[in-house]
Amino acid sequence: MCGETKPSRITTPAYPAYREGTRHNGAPFYEHISFIDNIEGKKTTAAAAGEGFWSIVVGAAAEESIKTGKVISIGELLKNNVIPSA
């Protein structure tokens, strides 16, 4: 409820049938709450932005390694894509 100065609506969160079939038990809803709390600077147990950055870097290196069949240097990957290491 947002009061008189903002739109207000009461609803029950729902997900598409294909998503409901995954038995996620509402986890994405709670993940979104943690994400917003993190952005607002509130303390959460969710991963910090830096942790997310490095998980993406490692995934990108793994994908590149699979595509090329070569060992990928994280430092070179960041340098070649002009991405400063955090």
C-alpha atoms as a PDB file:
ATOM      1  CA  MET A   1       0.000   0.000   0.000  1.00  0.00           C
ATOM      2  CA  CYS A   2       1.476   3.324  -1.045  1.00  0.00           C
ATOM      3  CA  GLY A   3      -1.003   5.737   0.485  1.00  0.00           C
ATOM      4  CA  GLU A   4      -2.744   8.660  -1.174  1.00  0.00           C
ATOM      5  CA  THR A   5       0.189  10.096  -3.149  1.00  0.00           C
ATOM      6  CA  LYS A   6       1.198   7.006  -5.158  1.00  0.00           C
ATOM      7  CA  PRO A   7      -0.549   4.220  -7.055  1.00  0.00           C
ATOM      8  CA  SER A   8      -1.560   1.357  -4.828  1.00  0.00           C
ATOM      9  CA  ARG A   9      -2.545  -2.173  -5.594  1.00  0.00           C
ATOM     10  CA  ILE A  10      -2.955  -5.368  -3.631  1.00  0.00           C
ATOM     11  CA  THR A  11      -2.080  -8.482  -5.564  1.00  0.00           C
ATOM     12  CA  THR A  12      -0.849 -12.007  -5.096  1.00  0.00           C
ATOM     13  CA  PRO A  13       2.495 -12.680  -6.809  1.00  0.00           C
ATOM     14  CA  ALA A  14       2.116 -15.224  -9.570  1.00  0.00           C
ATOM     15  CA  TYR A  15       4.422 -16.720 -12.155  1.00  0.00           C
ATOM     16  CA  PRO A  16       3.754 -18.220 -15.606  1.00  0.00           C
ATOM     17  CA  ALA A  17       2.784 -21.911 -15.611  1.00  0.00           C
ATOM     18  CA  TYR A  18       6.186 -23.010 -16.973  1.00  0.00           C
ATOM     19  CA  ARG A  19       7.895 -21.246 -14.048  1.00  0.00           C
ATOM     20  CA  GLU A  20       5.493 -22.630 -11.467  1.00  0.00           C
ATOM     21  CA  GLY A  21       6.359 -26.116 -12.720  1.00  0.00           C
ATOM     22  CA  THR A  22       9.982 -25.660 -11.622  1.00  0.00           C
ATOM     23  CA  ARG A  23       8.951 -25.742  -7.944  1.00  0.00           C
ATOM     24  CA  HIS A  24      11.105 -22.716  -7.139  1.00  0.00           C
ATOM     25  CA  ASN A  25       8.837 -21.900  -4.184  1.00  0.00           C
ATOM     26  CA  GLY A  26       8.957 -18.147  -4.806  1.00  0.00           C
ATOM     27  CA  ALA A  27      12.758 -17.852  -4.721  1.00  0.00           C
ATOM     28  CA  PRO A  28      12.909 -15.292  -7.589  1.00  0.00           C
ATOM     29  CA  PHE A  29      10.567 -13.005  -5.625  1.00  0.00           C
ATOM     30  CA  TYR A  30      12.936 -13.047  -2.641  1.00  0.00           C
ATOM     31  CA  GLU A  31      15.978 -12.684  -4.907  1.00  0.00           C
ATOM     32  CA  HIS A  32      14.432  -9.536  -6.388  1.00  0.00           C
ATOM     33  CA  ILE A  33      13.808  -8.126  -2.914  1.00  0.00           C
ATOM     34  CA  SER A  34      17.457  -8.752  -1.964  1.00  0.00           C
ATOM     35  CA  PHE A  35      18.613  -7.208  -5.254  1.00  0.00           C
ATOM     36  CA  ILE A  36      16.639  -4.011  -4.608  1.00  0.00           C
ATOM     37  CA  ASP A  37      17.768  -3.892  -0.971  1.00  0.00           C
ATOM     38  CA  ASN A  38      21.374  -4.267  -2.161  1.00  0.00           C
ATOM     39  CA  ILE A  39      20.964  -1.352  -4.589  1.00  0.00           C
ATOM     40  CA  GLU A  40      19.503   0.764  -1.782  1.00  0.00           C
ATOM     41  CA  GLY A  41      22.532  -0.014   0.397  1.00  0.00           C
ATOM     42  CA  LYS A  42      20.688  -2.216   2.879  1.00  0.00           C
ATOM     43  CA  LYS A  43      22.561  -5.167   4.358  1.00  0.00           C
ATOM     44  CA  THR A  44      21.627  -8.450   2.659  1.00  0.00           C
ATOM     45  CA  THR A  45      22.947 -11.974   2.371  1.00  0.00           C
ATOM     46  CA  ALA A  46      22.871 -11.698  -1.427  1.00  0.00           C
ATOM     47  CA  ALA A  47      26.062 -11.614  -3.464  1.00  0.00           C
ATOM     48  CA  ALA A  48      27.739  -8.224  -3.748  1.00  0.00           C
ATOM     49  CA  ALA A  49      28.256  -6.615  -7.149  1.00  0.00           C
ATOM     50  CA  GLY A  50      31.949  -7.552  -7.148  1.00  0.00           C
ATOM     51  CA  GLU A  51      31.114 -11.205  -6.541  1.00  0.00           C
ATOM     52  CA  GLY A  52      28.666 -11.113  -9.423  1.00  0.00           C
ATOM     53  CA  PHE A  53      31.274  -9.452 -11.660  1.00  0.00           C
ATOM     54  CA  TRP A  54      33.826 -12.199 -11.062  1.00  0.00           C
ATOM     55  CA  SER A  55      31.317 -15.000 -11.589  1.00  0.00           C
ATOM     56  CA  ILE A  56      30.476 -13.493 -14.986  1.00  0.00           C
ATOM     57  CA  VAL A  57      34.177 -13.108 -15.857  1.00  0.00           C
ATOM     58  CA  VAL A  58      34.862 -16.750 -15.006  1.00  0.00           C
ATOM     59  CA  GLY A  59      31.820 -17.827 -17.054  1.00  0.00           C
ATOM     60  CA  ALA A  60      32.946 -15.731 -20.034  1.00  0.00           C
ATOM     61  CA  ALA A  61      36.440 -17.247 -19.821  1.00  0.00           C
ATOM     62  CA  ALA A  62      34.989 -20.753 -19.668  1.00  0.00           C
ATOM     63  CA  GLU A  63      32.783 -20.084 -22.697  1.00  0.00           C
ATOM     64  CA  GLU A  64      35.727 -18.661 -24.642  1.00  0.00           C
ATOM     65  CA  SER A  65      37.843 -21.676 -23.696  1.00  0.00           C
ATOM     66  CA  ILE A  66      35.154 -24.042 -24.946  1.00  0.00           C
ATOM     67  CA  LYS A  67      34.813 -22.121 -28.224  1.00  0.00           C
ATOM     68  CA  THR A  68      38.570 -21.940 -28.905  1.00  0.00           C
ATOM     69  CA  GLY A  69      39.797 -25.101 -27.183  1.00  0.00           C
ATOM     70  CA  LYS A  70      42.490 -23.006 -25.470  1.00  0.00           C
ATOM     71  CA  VAL A  71      43.383 -22.002 -21.924  1.00  0.00           C
ATOM     72  CA  ILE A  72      42.121 -18.463 -21.281  1.00  0.00           C
ATOM     73  CA  SER A  73      44.015 -15.974 -19.138  1.00  0.00           C
ATOM     74  CA  ILE A  74      41.552 -13.915 -17.093  1.00  0.00           C
ATOM     75  CA  GLY A  75      43.937 -10.931 -17.177  1.00  0.00           C
ATOM     76  CA  GLU A  76      44.212 -11.077 -20.962  1.00  0.00           C
ATOM     77  CA  LEU A  77      40.461 -11.568 -21.337  1.00  0.00           C
ATOM     78  CA  LEU A  78      39.796  -8.395 -19.334  1.00  0.00           C
ATOM     79  CA  LYS A  79      42.522  -6.444 -21.161  1.00  0.00           C
ATOM     80  CA  ASN A  80      41.373  -7.551 -24.629  1.00  0.00           C
ATOM     81  CA  ASN A  81      37.807  -6.506 -23.839  1.00  0.00           C
ATOM     82  CA  VAL A  82      38.870  -3.236 -22.150  1.00  0.00           C
ATOM     83  CA  ILE A  83      37.366  -4.241 -18.806  1.00  0.00           C
ATOM     84  CA  PRO A  84      39.195  -3.003 -15.721  1.00  0.00           C
ATOM     85  CA  SER A  85      39.599  -5.651 -13.033  1.00  0.00           C
ATOM     86  CA  ALA A  86      37.632  -4.667  -9.954  1.00  0.00           C
END
